[in-house]
Amino acid sequence: MMMKFPKFYYFLDSYFNIIWDFSDLEMLTLDYKARETLEYKQGLIKDLYDIKNLNDWVFIAQYVYEHGNRVLNHQKLIAMIDLMLELLDSGDRGKVSL
């Protein structure tokens, strides 16, 4: 079975893991943007748009809890997704528009 939101999972596991605080999200997202390939950046952007379009914040909260060991309410999740999209989906060639 294919995992939902594989690049978002990778971001939670490899960048925004439990040792970091929510206040570090901007720095970690910019680090991801600087280090990862275009394929991975576009994949994460697609996952983030898919999450927004899903609009099931209970499911996303459970996903983040299971894969990132974080308890985030839906307002924090929306803020997280919006910030990440703002940082990732601006100023790059190959911008993903969904």
PDB file of N, CA and C in Angstrom:
ATOM      1  N   MET A   1       0.837  -1.184   0.000  1.00  0.00           N
ATOM      2  CA  MET A   1       0.000   0.000   0.000  1.00  0.00           C
ATOM      3  C   MET A   1       0.883   1.249   0.000  1.00  0.00           C
ATOM      4  N   MET A   2       0.541   2.201  -0.843  1.00  0.00           N
ATOM      5  CA  MET A   2       1.321   3.423  -0.958  1.00  0.00           C
ATOM      6  C   MET A   2       0.965   4.390   0.179  1.00  0.00           C
ATOM      7  N   MET A   3       1.988   4.999   0.749  1.00  0.00           N
ATOM      8  CA  MET A   3       1.782   5.943   1.838  1.00  0.00           C
ATOM      9  C   MET A   3       1.206   7.250   1.305  1.00  0.00           C
ATOM     10  N   LYS A   4       0.246   7.788   2.031  1.00  0.00           N
ATOM     11  CA  LYS A   4      -0.269   9.118   1.687  1.00  0.00           C
ATOM     12  C   LYS A   4       0.781  10.156   2.031  1.00  0.00           C
ATOM     13  N   PHE A   5       0.909  11.141   1.187  1.00  0.00           N
ATOM     14  CA  PHE A   5       1.777  12.292   1.414  1.00  0.00           C
ATOM     15  C   PHE A   5       3.229  11.896   1.728  1.00  0.00           C
ATOM     16  N   PRO A   6       3.876  11.163   0.814  1.00  0.00           N
ATOM     17  CA  PRO A   6       5.220  10.639   1.109  1.00  0.00           C
ATOM     18  C   PRO A   6       6.277  11.725   1.341  1.00  0.00           C
ATOM     19  N   LYS A   7       6.198  12.825   0.633  1.00  0.00           N
ATOM     20  CA  LYS A   7       7.213  13.878   0.828  1.00  0.00           C
ATOM     21  C   LYS A   7       6.947  14.648   2.122  1.00  0.00           C
ATOM     22  N   PHE A   8       5.683  14.802   2.502  1.00  0.00           N
ATOM     23  CA  PHE A   8       5.355  15.418   3.784  1.00  0.00           C
ATOM     24  C   PHE A   8       5.850  14.516   4.916  1.00  0.00           C
ATOM     25  N   TYR A   9       5.646  13.211   4.770  1.00  0.00           N
ATOM     26  CA  TYR A   9       6.171  12.257   5.752  1.00  0.00           C
ATOM     27  C   TYR A   9       7.693  12.411   5.875  1.00  0.00           C
ATOM     28  N   TYR A  10       8.372  12.482   4.740  1.00  0.00           N
ATOM     29  CA  TYR A  10       9.829  12.638   4.739  1.00  0.00           C
ATOM     30  C   TYR A  10      10.232  13.923   5.469  1.00  0.00           C
ATOM     31  N   PHE A  11       9.496  15.015   5.223  1.00  0.00           N
ATOM     32  CA  PHE A  11       9.796  16.276   5.902  1.00  0.00           C
ATOM     33  C   PHE A  11       9.611  16.125   7.410  1.00  0.00           C
ATOM     34  N   LEU A  12       8.531  15.490   7.834  1.00  0.00           N
ATOM     35  CA  LEU A  12       8.292  15.291   9.269  1.00  0.00           C
ATOM     36  C   LEU A  12       9.376  14.419   9.896  1.00  0.00           C
ATOM     37  N   ASP A  13       9.764  13.391   9.202  1.00  0.00           N
ATOM     38  CA  ASP A  13      10.730  12.427   9.735  1.00  0.00           C
ATOM     39  C   ASP A  13      12.163  12.961   9.721  1.00  0.00           C
ATOM     40  N   SER A  14      12.527  13.660   8.655  1.00  0.00           N
ATOM     41  CA  SER A  14      13.930  14.040   8.471  1.00  0.00           C
ATOM     42  C   SER A  14      14.251  15.475   8.856  1.00  0.00           C
ATOM     43  N   TYR A  15      13.287  16.354   8.823  1.00  0.00           N
ATOM     44  CA  TYR A  15      13.543  17.770   9.117  1.00  0.00           C
ATOM     45  C   TYR A  15      12.806  18.226  10.375  1.00  0.00           C
ATOM     46  N   PHE A  16      11.494  18.122  10.371  1.00  0.00           N
ATOM     47  CA  PHE A  16      10.668  18.662  11.453  1.00  0.00           C
ATOM     48  C   PHE A  16      10.371  17.563  12.470  1.00  0.00           C
ATOM     49  N   ASN A  17      11.432  16.891  12.892  1.00  0.00           N
ATOM     50  CA  ASN A  17      11.241  15.803  13.837  1.00  0.00           C
ATOM     51  C   ASN A  17      11.128  16.350  15.258  1.00  0.00           C
ATOM     52  N   ILE A  18      10.958  15.470  16.202  1.00  0.00           N
ATOM     53  CA  ILE A  18      10.592  15.829  17.572  1.00  0.00           C
ATOM     54  C   ILE A  18      11.630  16.707  18.286  1.00  0.00           C
ATOM     55  N   ILE A  19      12.864  16.735  17.825  1.00  0.00           N
ATOM     56  CA  ILE A  19      13.869  17.563  18.509  1.00  0.00           C
ATOM     57  C   ILE A  19      13.701  19.044  18.220  1.00  0.00           C
ATOM     58  N   TRP A  20      12.889  19.391  17.209  1.00  0.00           N
ATOM     59  CA  TRP A  20      12.691  20.788  16.831  1.00  0.00           C
ATOM     60  C   TRP A  20      11.365  21.302  17.353  1.00  0.00           C
ATOM     61  N   ASP A  21      11.313  22.599  17.581  1.00  0.00           N
ATOM     62  CA  ASP A  21      10.109  23.259  18.060  1.00  0.00           C
ATOM     63  C   ASP A  21       9.347  23.850  16.875  1.00  0.00           C
ATOM     64  N   PHE A  22       8.064  24.118  17.078  1.00  0.00           N
ATOM     65  CA  PHE A  22       7.257  24.729  16.020  1.00  0.00           C
ATOM     66  C   PHE A  22       7.857  26.055  15.552  1.00  0.00           C
ATOM     67  N   SER A  23       8.503  26.759  16.454  1.00  0.00           N
ATOM     68  CA  SER A  23       9.117  28.045  16.092  1.00  0.00           C
ATOM     69  C   SER A  23      10.292  27.876  15.130  1.00  0.00           C
ATOM     70  N   ASP A  24      10.783  26.655  14.953  1.00  0.00           N
ATOM     71  CA  ASP A  24      11.880  26.364  14.026  1.00  0.00           C
ATOM     72  C   ASP A  24      11.388  25.997  12.631  1.00  0.00           C
ATOM     73  N   LEU A  25      10.089  25.960  12.436  1.00  0.00           N
ATOM     74  CA  LEU A  25       9.520  25.491  11.168  1.00  0.00           C
ATOM     75  C   LEU A  25      10.030  26.278   9.969  1.00  0.00           C
ATOM     76  N   GLU A  26      10.100  27.599  10.076  1.00  0.00           N
ATOM     77  CA  GLU A  26      10.564  28.402   8.951  1.00  0.00           C
ATOM     78  C   GLU A  26      11.994  28.040   8.575  1.00  0.00           C
ATOM     79  N   MET A  27      12.876  27.962   9.550  1.00  0.00           N
ATOM     80  CA  MET A  27      14.271  27.608   9.292  1.00  0.00           C
ATOM     81  C   MET A  27      14.378  26.216   8.662  1.00  0.00           C
ATOM     82  N   LEU A  28      13.618  25.270   9.177  1.00  0.00           N
ATOM     83  CA  LEU A  28      13.679  23.904   8.672  1.00  0.00           C
ATOM     84  C   LEU A  28      13.125  23.804   7.251  1.00  0.00           C
ATOM     85  N   THR A  29      12.086  24.561   6.966  1.00  0.00           N
ATOM     86  CA  THR A  29      11.523  24.563   5.618  1.00  0.00           C
ATOM     87  C   THR A  29      12.511  25.172   4.628  1.00  0.00           C
ATOM     88  N   LEU A  30      13.161  26.245   5.027  1.00  0.00           N
ATOM     89  CA  LEU A  30      14.168  26.858   4.149  1.00  0.00           C
ATOM     90  C   LEU A  30      15.371  25.937   3.962  1.00  0.00           C
ATOM     91  N   ASP A  31      15.718  25.182   4.994  1.00  0.00           N
ATOM     92  CA  ASP A  31      16.796  24.200   4.877  1.00  0.00           C
ATOM     93  C   ASP A  31      16.413  23.122   3.866  1.00  0.00           C
ATOM     94  N   TYR A  32      15.180  22.636   3.958  1.00  0.00           N
ATOM     95  CA  TYR A  32      14.678  21.651   2.995  1.00  0.00           C
ATOM     96  C   TYR A  32      14.753  22.222   1.576  1.00  0.00           C
ATOM     97  N   LYS A  33      14.303  23.458   1.424  1.00  0.00           N
ATOM     98  CA  LYS A  33      14.297  24.103   0.109  1.00  0.00           C
ATOM     99  C   LYS A  33      15.705  24.212  -0.468  1.00  0.00           C
ATOM    100  N   ALA A  34      16.681  24.486   0.381  1.00  0.00           N
ATOM    101  CA  ALA A  34      18.064  24.648  -0.071  1.00  0.00           C
ATOM    102  C   ALA A  34      18.734  23.313  -0.386  1.00  0.00           C
ATOM    103  N   ARG A  35      18.375  22.266   0.324  1.00  0.00           N
ATOM    104  CA  ARG A  35      19.092  20.992   0.221  1.00  0.00           C
ATOM    105  C   ARG A  35      18.486  19.979  -0.745  1.00  0.00           C
ATOM    106  N   GLU A  36      17.185  19.973  -0.850  1.00  0.00           N
ATOM    107  CA  GLU A  36      16.521  18.888  -1.576  1.00  0.00           C
ATOM    108  C   GLU A  36      16.468  19.163  -3.076  1.00  0.00           C
ATOM    109  N   THR A  37      16.294  18.085  -3.827  1.00  0.00           N
ATOM    110  CA  THR A  37      16.190  18.180  -5.283  1.00  0.00           C
ATOM    111  C   THR A  37      14.860  18.822  -5.671  1.00  0.00           C
ATOM    112  N   LEU A  38      14.799  19.276  -6.896  1.00  0.00           N
ATOM    113  CA  LEU A  38      13.563  19.864  -7.419  1.00  0.00           C
ATOM    114  C   LEU A  38      12.416  18.859  -7.309  1.00  0.00           C
ATOM    115  N   GLU A  39      12.692  17.598  -7.588  1.00  0.00           N
ATOM    116  CA  GLU A  39      11.672  16.546  -7.501  1.00  0.00           C
ATOM    117  C   GLU A  39      11.096  16.468  -6.083  1.00  0.00           C
ATOM    118  N   TYR A  40      11.947  16.511  -5.079  1.00  0.00           N
ATOM    119  CA  TYR A  40      11.482  16.427  -3.697  1.00  0.00           C
ATOM    120  C   TYR A  40      10.732  17.692  -3.290  1.00  0.00           C
ATOM    121  N   LYS A  41      11.216  18.849  -3.728  1.00  0.00           N
ATOM    122  CA  LYS A  41      10.519  20.106  -3.405  1.00  0.00           C
ATOM    123  C   LYS A  41       9.135  20.119  -4.048  1.00  0.00           C
ATOM    124  N   GLN A  42       9.063  19.752  -5.321  1.00  0.00           N
ATOM    125  CA  GLN A  42       7.770  19.724  -5.995  1.00  0.00           C
ATOM    126  C   GLN A  42       6.841  18.694  -5.364  1.00  0.00           C
ATOM    127  N   GLY A  43       7.401  17.569  -4.950  1.00  0.00           N
ATOM    128  CA  GLY A  43       6.596  16.539  -4.291  1.00  0.00           C
ATOM    129  C   GLY A  43       6.019  17.026  -2.972  1.00  0.00           C
ATOM    130  N   LEU A  44       6.815  17.742  -2.192  1.00  0.00           N
ATOM    131  CA  LEU A  44       6.322  18.273  -0.926  1.00  0.00           C
ATOM    132  C   LEU A  44       5.258  19.342  -1.178  1.00  0.00           C
ATOM    133  N   ILE A  45       5.492  20.202  -2.152  1.00  0.00           N
ATOM    134  CA  ILE A  45       4.500  21.229  -2.478  1.00  0.00           C
ATOM    135  C   ILE A  45       3.181  20.573  -2.887  1.00  0.00           C
ATOM    136  N   LYS A  46       3.256  19.536  -3.712  1.00  0.00           N
ATOM    137  CA  LYS A  46       2.042  18.817  -4.116  1.00  0.00           C
ATOM    138  C   LYS A  46       1.350  18.220  -2.905  1.00  0.00           C
ATOM    139  N   ASP A  47       2.110  17.578  -2.021  1.00  0.00           N
ATOM    140  CA  ASP A  47       1.516  17.004  -0.807  1.00  0.00           C
ATOM    141  C   ASP A  47       0.830  18.085   0.029  1.00  0.00           C
ATOM    142  N   LEU A  48       1.460  19.238   0.160  1.00  0.00           N
ATOM    143  CA  LEU A  48       0.885  20.316   0.964  1.00  0.00           C
ATOM    144  C   LEU A  48      -0.416  20.834   0.351  1.00  0.00           C
ATOM    145  N   TYR A  49      -0.446  20.996  -0.972  1.00  0.00           N
ATOM    146  CA  TYR A  49      -1.695  21.399  -1.633  1.00  0.00           C
ATOM    147  C   TYR A  49      -2.763  20.309  -1.484  1.00  0.00           C
ATOM    148  N   ASP A  50      -2.370  19.053  -1.604  1.00  0.00           N
ATOM    149  CA  ASP A  50      -3.318  17.949  -1.420  1.00  0.00           C
ATOM    150  C   ASP A  50      -3.895  17.954  -0.006  1.00  0.00           C
ATOM    151  N   ILE A  51      -3.058  18.237   0.985  1.00  0.00           N
ATOM    152  CA  ILE A  51      -3.508  18.310   2.377  1.00  0.00           C
ATOM    153  C   ILE A  51      -4.514  19.449   2.533  1.00  0.00           C
ATOM    154  N   LYS A  52      -4.184  20.613   1.980  1.00  0.00           N
ATOM    155  CA  LYS A  52      -5.119  21.750   2.063  1.00  0.00           C
ATOM    156  C   LYS A  52      -6.445  21.424   1.393  1.00  0.00           C
ATOM    157  N   ASN A  53      -6.370  20.816   0.219  1.00  0.00           N
ATOM    158  CA  ASN A  53      -7.588  20.490  -0.521  1.00  0.00           C
ATOM    159  C   ASN A  53      -8.402  19.396   0.161  1.00  0.00           C
ATOM    160  N   LEU A  54      -7.736  18.497   0.849  1.00  0.00           N
ATOM    161  CA  LEU A  54      -8.422  17.448   1.607  1.00  0.00           C
ATOM    162  C   LEU A  54      -9.290  18.079   2.692  1.00  0.00           C
ATOM    163  N   ASN A  55      -8.748  19.092   3.356  1.00  0.00           N
ATOM    164  CA  ASN A  55      -9.480  19.857   4.362  1.00  0.00           C
ATOM    165  C   ASN A  55     -10.049  18.969   5.467  1.00  0.00           C
ATOM    166  N   ASP A  56      -9.319  17.923   5.803  1.00  0.00           N
ATOM    167  CA  ASP A  56      -9.711  17.019   6.892  1.00  0.00           C
ATOM    168  C   ASP A  56      -8.651  17.145   7.983  1.00  0.00           C
ATOM    169  N   TRP A  57      -8.804  18.160   8.826  1.00  0.00           N
ATOM    170  CA  TRP A  57      -7.762  18.491   9.800  1.00  0.00           C
ATOM    171  C   TRP A  57      -7.675  17.476  10.925  1.00  0.00           C
ATOM    172  N   VAL A  58      -8.743  16.732  11.159  1.00  0.00           N
ATOM    173  CA  VAL A  58      -8.672  15.645  12.149  1.00  0.00           C
ATOM    174  C   VAL A  58      -7.743  14.559  11.619  1.00  0.00           C
ATOM    175  N   PHE A  59      -7.919  14.189  10.352  1.00  0.00           N
ATOM    176  CA  PHE A  59      -7.036  13.189   9.741  1.00  0.00           C
ATOM    177  C   PHE A  59      -5.588  13.674   9.724  1.00  0.00           C
ATOM    178  N   ILE A  60      -5.376  14.936   9.328  1.00  0.00           N
ATOM    179  CA  ILE A  60      -4.010  15.468   9.241  1.00  0.00           C
ATOM    180  C   ILE A  60      -3.380  15.559  10.627  1.00  0.00           C
ATOM    181  N   ALA A  61      -4.150  15.935  11.623  1.00  0.00           N
ATOM    182  CA  ALA A  61      -3.627  15.975  13.004  1.00  0.00           C
ATOM    183  C   ALA A  61      -3.184  14.581  13.428  1.00  0.00           C
ATOM    184  N   GLN A  62      -3.977  13.571  13.098  1.00  0.00           N
ATOM    185  CA  GLN A  62      -3.617  12.188  13.430  1.00  0.00           C
ATOM    186  C   GLN A  62      -2.369  11.758  12.656  1.00  0.00           C
ATOM    187  N   TYR A  63      -2.284  12.133  11.385  1.00  0.00           N
ATOM    188  CA  TYR A  63      -1.122  11.814  10.547  1.00  0.00           C
ATOM    189  C   TYR A  63       0.143  12.427  11.144  1.00  0.00           C
ATOM    190  N   VAL A  64       0.071  13.696  11.513  1.00  0.00           N
ATOM    191  CA  VAL A  64       1.236  14.386  12.096  1.00  0.00           C
ATOM    192  C   VAL A  64       1.600  13.769  13.436  1.00  0.00           C
ATOM    193  N   TYR A  65       0.598  13.372  14.199  1.00  0.00           N
ATOM    194  CA  TYR A  65       0.870  12.708  15.479  1.00  0.00           C
ATOM    195  C   TYR A  65       1.568  11.359  15.262  1.00  0.00           C
ATOM    196  N   GLU A  66       1.054  10.575  14.334  1.00  0.00           N
ATOM    197  CA  GLU A  66       1.611   9.240  14.077  1.00  0.00           C
ATOM    198  C   GLU A  66       3.008   9.296  13.456  1.00  0.00           C
ATOM    199  N   HIS A  67       3.235  10.236  12.557  1.00  0.00           N
ATOM    200  CA  HIS A  67       4.493  10.266  11.807  1.00  0.00           C
ATOM    201  C   HIS A  67       5.479  11.323  12.290  1.00  0.00           C
ATOM    202  N   GLY A  68       5.005  12.256  13.101  1.00  0.00           N
ATOM    203  CA  GLY A  68       5.891  13.316  13.579  1.00  0.00           C
ATOM    204  C   GLY A  68       5.904  13.485  15.089  1.00  0.00           C
ATOM    205  N   ASN A  69       5.127  12.651  15.777  1.00  0.00           N
ATOM    206  CA  ASN A  69       5.056  12.702  17.238  1.00  0.00           C
ATOM    207  C   ASN A  69       4.720  14.088  17.765  1.00  0.00           C
ATOM    208  N   ARG A  70       3.797  14.748  17.091  1.00  0.00           N
ATOM    209  CA  ARG A  70       3.372  16.100  17.495  1.00  0.00           C
ATOM    210  C   ARG A  70       1.863  16.156  17.614  1.00  0.00           C
ATOM    211  N   VAL A  71       1.423  16.906  18.599  1.00  0.00           N
ATOM    212  CA  VAL A  71       0.001  17.174  18.752  1.00  0.00           C
ATOM    213  C   VAL A  71      -0.217  18.625  18.335  1.00  0.00           C
ATOM    214  N   LEU A  72      -0.877  18.813  17.196  1.00  0.00           N
ATOM    215  CA  LEU A  72      -1.145  20.150  16.669  1.00  0.00           C
ATOM    216  C   LEU A  72      -2.637  20.282  16.401  1.00  0.00           C
ATOM    217  N   ASN A  73      -3.239  21.384  16.861  1.00  0.00           N
ATOM    218  CA  ASN A  73      -4.648  21.618  16.562  1.00  0.00           C
ATOM    219  C   ASN A  73      -4.778  22.086  15.115  1.00  0.00           C
ATOM    220  N   HIS A  74      -6.015  22.177  14.648  1.00  0.00           N
ATOM    221  CA  HIS A  74      -6.183  22.468  13.220  1.00  0.00           C
ATOM    222  C   HIS A  74      -5.704  23.870  12.856  1.00  0.00           C
ATOM    223  N   GLN A  75      -5.784  24.842  13.763  1.00  0.00           N
ATOM    224  CA  GLN A  75      -5.263  26.177  13.451  1.00  0.00           C
ATOM    225  C   GLN A  75      -3.748  26.147  13.247  1.00  0.00           C
ATOM    226  N   LYS A  76      -3.053  25.390  14.087  1.00  0.00           N
ATOM    227  CA  LYS A  76      -1.593  25.277  13.941  1.00  0.00           C
ATOM    228  C   LYS A  76      -1.233  24.516  12.678  1.00  0.00           C
ATOM    229  N   LEU A  77      -2.018  23.511  12.355  1.00  0.00           N
ATOM    230  CA  LEU A  77      -1.766  22.755  11.126  1.00  0.00           C
ATOM    231  C   LEU A  77      -1.948  23.637   9.890  1.00  0.00           C
ATOM    232  N   ILE A  78      -3.002  24.426   9.887  1.00  0.00           N
ATOM    233  CA  ILE A  78      -3.235  25.333   8.763  1.00  0.00           C
ATOM    234  C   ILE A  78      -2.091  26.334   8.660  1.00  0.00           C
ATOM    235  N   ALA A  79      -1.672  26.886   9.802  1.00  0.00           N
ATOM    236  CA  ALA A  79      -0.555  27.839   9.806  1.00  0.00           C
ATOM    237  C   ALA A  79       0.716  27.180   9.294  1.00  0.00           C
ATOM    238  N   MET A  80       0.937  25.929   9.687  1.00  0.00           N
ATOM    239  CA  MET A  80       2.118  25.180   9.254  1.00  0.00           C
ATOM    240  C   MET A  80       2.115  24.995   7.742  1.00  0.00           C
ATOM    241  N   ILE A  81       1.002  24.507   7.209  1.00  0.00           N
ATOM    242  CA  ILE A  81       0.892  24.241   5.778  1.00  0.00           C
ATOM    243  C   ILE A  81       1.032  25.544   4.990  1.00  0.00           C
ATOM    244  N   ASP A  82       0.357  26.598   5.442  1.00  0.00           N
ATOM    245  CA  ASP A  82       0.424  27.887   4.745  1.00  0.00           C
ATOM    246  C   ASP A  82       1.838  28.458   4.740  1.00  0.00           C
ATOM    247  N   LEU A  83       2.528  28.391   5.874  1.00  0.00           N
ATOM    248  CA  LEU A  83       3.901  28.895   5.940  1.00  0.00           C
ATOM    249  C   LEU A  83       4.812  28.101   5.018  1.00  0.00           C
ATOM    250  N   MET A  84       4.690  26.792   5.057  1.00  0.00           N
ATOM    251  CA  MET A  84       5.538  25.957   4.207  1.00  0.00           C
ATOM    252  C   MET A  84       5.293  26.248   2.732  1.00  0.00           C
ATOM    253  N   LEU A  85       4.035  26.391   2.346  1.00  0.00           N
ATOM    254  CA  LEU A  85       3.729  26.702   0.948  1.00  0.00           C
ATOM    255  C   LEU A  85       4.270  28.072   0.559  1.00  0.00           C
ATOM    256  N   GLU A  86       4.135  29.033   1.438  1.00  0.00           N
ATOM    257  CA  GLU A  86       4.648  30.368   1.154  1.00  0.00           C
ATOM    258  C   GLU A  86       6.153  30.329   0.917  1.00  0.00           C
ATOM    259  N   LEU A  87       6.859  29.559   1.710  1.00  0.00           N
ATOM    260  CA  LEU A  87       8.316  29.486   1.594  1.00  0.00           C
ATOM    261  C   LEU A  87       8.779  28.624   0.423  1.00  0.00           C
ATOM    262  N   LEU A  88       8.062  27.551   0.165  1.00  0.00           N
ATOM    263  CA  LEU A  88       8.498  26.593  -0.859  1.00  0.00           C
ATOM    264  C   LEU A  88       8.011  26.935  -2.258  1.00  0.00           C
ATOM    265  N   ASP A  89       6.829  27.484  -2.351  1.00  0.00           N
ATOM    266  CA  ASP A  89       6.197  27.669  -3.665  1.00  0.00           C
ATOM    267  C   ASP A  89       6.294  29.122  -4.116  1.00  0.00           C
ATOM    268  N   SER A  90       7.448  29.726  -3.874  1.00  0.00           N
ATOM    269  CA  SER A  90       7.659  31.107  -4.312  1.00  0.00           C
ATOM    270  C   SER A  90       9.062  31.254  -4.880  1.00  0.00           C
ATOM    271  N   GLY A  91       9.136  31.860  -6.046  1.00  0.00           N
ATOM    272  CA  GLY A  91      10.418  32.240  -6.615  1.00  0.00           C
ATOM    273  C   GLY A  91      11.265  31.147  -7.217  1.00  0.00           C
ATOM    274  N   ASP A  92      10.780  29.931  -7.344  1.00  0.00           N
ATOM    275  CA  ASP A  92      11.557  28.855  -7.945  1.00  0.00           C
ATOM    276  C   ASP A  92      11.034  28.543  -9.336  1.00  0.00           C
ATOM    277  N   ARG A  93      11.977  28.234 -10.243  1.00  0.00           N
ATOM    278  CA  ARG A  93      11.563  27.686 -11.528  1.00  0.00           C
ATOM    279  C   ARG A  93      10.977  26.320 -11.238  1.00  0.00           C
ATOM    280  N   GLY A  94      10.011  25.932 -12.022  1.00  0.00           N
ATOM    281  CA  GLY A  94       9.381  24.643 -11.796  1.00  0.00           C
ATOM    282  C   GLY A  94       8.320  24.707 -10.721  1.00  0.00           C
ATOM    283  N   LYS A  95       7.807  25.917 -10.466  1.00  0.00           N
ATOM    284  CA  LYS A  95       6.786  26.108  -9.453  1.00  0.00           C
ATOM    285  C   LYS A  95       5.595  25.205  -9.743  1.00  0.00           C
ATOM    286  N   VAL A  96       5.059  24.614  -8.713  1.00  0.00           N
ATOM    287  CA  VAL A  96       3.912  23.744  -8.860  1.00  0.00           C
ATOM    288  C   VAL A  96       2.652  24.576  -8.660  1.00  0.00           C
ATOM    289  N   SER A  97       1.780  24.565  -9.622  1.00  0.00           N
ATOM    290  CA  SER A  97       0.502  25.266  -9.500  1.00  0.00           C
ATOM    291  C   SER A  97      -0.603  24.242  -9.577  1.00  0.00           C
ATOM    292  N   LEU A  98      -1.315  24.084  -8.488  1.00  0.00           N
ATOM    293  CA  LEU A  98      -2.396  23.103  -8.435  1.00  0.00           C
ATOM    294  C   LEU A  98      -3.706  23.775  -8.134  1.00  0.00           C
TER     295      LEU A  98
END
